[in-house]
Amino acid sequence: MVTRVATPGHNGVIEEAIMPEQVASANIGVVGLAVMGSNLARNLASREGNTVAVYNRTYARAVALITEHPEAGFVPSERIEDFVHSRSRRAVASEAGSFSELRNP
């Protein structure tokens, strides 16, 4: 299994890189990137030491967020399974405002 990571490239073109499964680089994740979720992700990313994994049902919203805020260093995932594997810890914040534990299969 691999994780696709979209990053803003030259002239705003989205470039995709493939991350091997063993790379778990985020310490917290946010599911749901509407107004509240994207603001929560940005707030968490601004705190020193945080790398934020982001997932949204529609991947385009995650791409839009990382394009608008490349300084945040988000780790986006296209599939929920990739999102689960992208984090070194298991805490996740949902747009509904709750924190929960996710288990890697």
C-alpha atoms as a PDB file:
ATOM      1  CA  MET A   1       0.000   0.000   0.000  1.00  0.00           C
ATOM      2  CA  VAL A   2       1.185   3.532  -0.776  1.00  0.00           C
ATOM      3  CA  THR A   3       0.000   7.025   0.091  1.00  0.00           C
ATOM      4  CA  ARG A   4      -0.381   9.649  -2.605  1.00  0.00           C
ATOM      5  CA  VAL A   5       0.733  13.045  -1.459  1.00  0.00           C
ATOM      6  CA  ALA A   6      -0.296  16.093  -3.441  1.00  0.00           C
ATOM      7  CA  THR A   7       1.943  19.102  -3.112  1.00  0.00           C
ATOM      8  CA  PRO A   8       1.787  22.519  -4.740  1.00  0.00           C
ATOM      9  CA  GLY A   9       4.433  22.611  -7.421  1.00  0.00           C
ATOM     10  CA  HIS A  10       5.776  25.145  -9.870  1.00  0.00           C
ATOM     11  CA  ASN A  11       3.183  27.714 -11.053  1.00  0.00           C
ATOM     12  CA  GLY A  12       0.488  26.231  -8.803  1.00  0.00           C
ATOM     13  CA  VAL A  13       0.469  22.860 -10.591  1.00  0.00           C
ATOM     14  CA  ILE A  14      -0.328  20.006  -8.231  1.00  0.00           C
ATOM     15  CA  GLU A  15       2.361  17.355  -8.184  1.00  0.00           C
ATOM     16  CA  GLU A  16       1.819  13.917  -6.721  1.00  0.00           C
ATOM     17  CA  ALA A  17       4.433  11.885  -4.949  1.00  0.00           C
ATOM     18  CA  ILE A  18       4.105   8.346  -3.719  1.00  0.00           C
ATOM     19  CA  MET A  19       4.948   7.653  -0.098  1.00  0.00           C
ATOM     20  CA  PRO A  20       5.719   4.084   0.971  1.00  0.00           C
ATOM     21  CA  GLU A  21       3.412   2.584   3.565  1.00  0.00           C
ATOM     22  CA  GLN A  22       6.053   2.588   6.276  1.00  0.00           C
ATOM     23  CA  VAL A  23       6.308   6.387   6.235  1.00  0.00           C
ATOM     24  CA  ALA A  24       4.137   7.723   9.065  1.00  0.00           C
ATOM     25  CA  SER A  25       4.902  11.389   9.284  1.00  0.00           C
ATOM     26  CA  ALA A  26       1.916  13.095  10.926  1.00  0.00           C
ATOM     27  CA  ASN A  27       1.281  13.177  14.651  1.00  0.00           C
ATOM     28  CA  ILE A  28      -2.386  14.231  14.422  1.00  0.00           C
ATOM     29  CA  GLY A  29      -5.085  14.000  11.785  1.00  0.00           C
ATOM     30  CA  VAL A  30      -8.204  15.914  10.827  1.00  0.00           C
ATOM     31  CA  VAL A  31     -11.136  14.295   9.022  1.00  0.00           C
ATOM     32  CA  GLY A  32     -13.526  16.677   7.276  1.00  0.00           C
ATOM     33  CA  LEU A  33     -12.184  19.836   5.690  1.00  0.00           C
ATOM     34  CA  ALA A  34     -15.133  22.184   5.422  1.00  0.00           C
ATOM     35  CA  VAL A  35     -14.861  25.560   7.176  1.00  0.00           C
ATOM     36  CA  MET A  36     -14.410  24.260  10.714  1.00  0.00           C
ATOM     37  CA  GLY A  37     -12.193  21.294   9.780  1.00  0.00           C
ATOM     38  CA  SER A  38      -9.846  23.292   7.575  1.00  0.00           C
ATOM     39  CA  ASN A  39      -9.492  25.997  10.248  1.00  0.00           C
ATOM     40  CA  LEU A  40      -8.827  23.331  12.882  1.00  0.00           C
ATOM     41  CA  ALA A  41      -6.180  21.709  10.654  1.00  0.00           C
ATOM     42  CA  ARG A  42      -4.484  25.066  10.058  1.00  0.00           C
ATOM     43  CA  ASN A  43      -4.548  25.899  13.759  1.00  0.00           C
ATOM     44  CA  LEU A  44      -3.020  22.541  14.714  1.00  0.00           C
ATOM     45  CA  ALA A  45      -0.376  22.848  11.983  1.00  0.00           C
ATOM     46  CA  SER A  46       0.663  26.264  13.299  1.00  0.00           C
ATOM     47  CA  ARG A  47       1.631  24.760  16.662  1.00  0.00           C
ATOM     48  CA  GLU A  48       5.300  23.849  16.916  1.00  0.00           C
ATOM     49  CA  GLY A  49       5.963  20.143  16.528  1.00  0.00           C
ATOM     50  CA  ASN A  50       2.682  19.273  14.790  1.00  0.00           C
ATOM     51  CA  THR A  51       2.428  17.709  11.370  1.00  0.00           C
ATOM     52  CA  VAL A  52      -1.215  17.284  10.386  1.00  0.00           C
ATOM     53  CA  ALA A  53      -2.639  14.519   8.202  1.00  0.00           C
ATOM     54  CA  VAL A  54      -5.844  15.606   6.442  1.00  0.00           C
ATOM     55  CA  TYR A  55      -8.634  13.600   4.840  1.00  0.00           C
ATOM     56  CA  ASN A  56     -11.881  14.615   3.218  1.00  0.00           C
ATOM     57  CA  ARG A  57     -14.441  12.470   1.404  1.00  0.00           C
ATOM     58  CA  THR A  58     -13.802  14.587  -1.688  1.00  0.00           C
ATOM     59  CA  TYR A  59     -10.046  14.670  -2.270  1.00  0.00           C
ATOM     60  CA  ALA A  60     -10.310  17.962  -4.166  1.00  0.00           C
ATOM     61  CA  ARG A  61     -10.999  19.777  -0.892  1.00  0.00           C
ATOM     62  CA  ALA A  62      -7.764  18.407   0.614  1.00  0.00           C
ATOM     63  CA  VAL A  63      -5.837  19.470  -2.499  1.00  0.00           C
ATOM     64  CA  ALA A  64      -7.376  22.944  -2.299  1.00  0.00           C
ATOM     65  CA  LEU A  65      -6.344  23.258   1.364  1.00  0.00           C
ATOM     66  CA  ILE A  66      -2.711  22.320   0.775  1.00  0.00           C
ATOM     67  CA  THR A  67      -2.565  24.542  -2.304  1.00  0.00           C
ATOM     68  CA  GLU A  68      -3.870  27.536  -0.363  1.00  0.00           C
ATOM     69  CA  HIS A  69      -1.630  26.857   2.663  1.00  0.00           C
ATOM     70  CA  PRO A  70       1.621  25.167   1.583  1.00  0.00           C
ATOM     71  CA  GLU A  71       3.395  26.550   4.658  1.00  0.00           C
ATOM     72  CA  ALA A  72       1.320  24.234   6.864  1.00  0.00           C
ATOM     73  CA  GLY A  73       3.010  21.064   5.567  1.00  0.00           C
ATOM     74  CA  PHE A  74      -0.194  18.995   5.541  1.00  0.00           C
ATOM     75  CA  VAL A  75      -0.060  15.277   4.727  1.00  0.00           C
ATOM     76  CA  PRO A  76      -3.187  14.681   2.587  1.00  0.00           C
ATOM     77  CA  SER A  77      -4.630  11.244   1.835  1.00  0.00           C
ATOM     78  CA  GLU A  78      -7.014  10.280  -0.922  1.00  0.00           C
ATOM     79  CA  ARG A  79      -8.287   7.150   0.856  1.00  0.00           C
ATOM     80  CA  ILE A  80      -9.215   6.759   4.525  1.00  0.00           C
ATOM     81  CA  GLU A  81      -6.950   3.705   4.765  1.00  0.00           C
ATOM     82  CA  ASP A  82      -3.982   5.801   3.662  1.00  0.00           C
ATOM     83  CA  PHE A  83      -4.958   8.470   6.186  1.00  0.00           C
ATOM     84  CA  VAL A  84      -4.852   5.922   9.016  1.00  0.00           C
ATOM     85  CA  HIS A  85      -1.362   4.798   7.958  1.00  0.00           C
ATOM     86  CA  SER A  86      -0.055   8.354   7.500  1.00  0.00           C
ATOM     87  CA  ARG A  87       0.033   9.104  11.203  1.00  0.00           C
ATOM     88  CA  SER A  88       2.586   8.042  13.758  1.00  0.00           C
ATOM     89  CA  ARG A  89       0.003   8.388  16.554  1.00  0.00           C
ATOM     90  CA  ARG A  90      -3.620   7.409  16.465  1.00  0.00           C
ATOM     91  CA  ALA A  91      -5.428  10.559  17.638  1.00  0.00           C
ATOM     92  CA  VAL A  92      -7.725  12.162  15.084  1.00  0.00           C
ATOM     93  CA  ALA A  93     -10.006  15.184  15.214  1.00  0.00           C
ATOM     94  CA  SER A  94     -13.200  15.139  13.207  1.00  0.00           C
ATOM     95  CA  GLU A  95     -15.047  18.173  11.948  1.00  0.00           C
ATOM     96  CA  ALA A  96     -17.758  17.295  14.440  1.00  0.00           C
ATOM     97  CA  GLY A  97     -15.298  18.335  17.131  1.00  0.00           C
ATOM     98  CA  SER A  98     -14.540  14.992  18.710  1.00  0.00           C
ATOM     99  CA  PHE A  99     -11.257  13.180  19.128  1.00  0.00           C
ATOM    100  CA  SER A 100     -11.140   9.447  18.665  1.00  0.00           C
ATOM    101  CA  GLU A 101      -8.750   6.560  18.323  1.00  0.00           C
ATOM    102  CA  LEU A 102      -8.197   4.781  15.014  1.00  0.00           C
ATOM    103  CA  ARG A 103      -6.625   1.388  14.876  1.00  0.00           C
ATOM    104  CA  ASN A 104      -4.298   0.251  12.138  1.00  0.00           C
ATOM    105  CA  PRO A 105      -5.502  -3.083  10.742  1.00  0.00           C
END
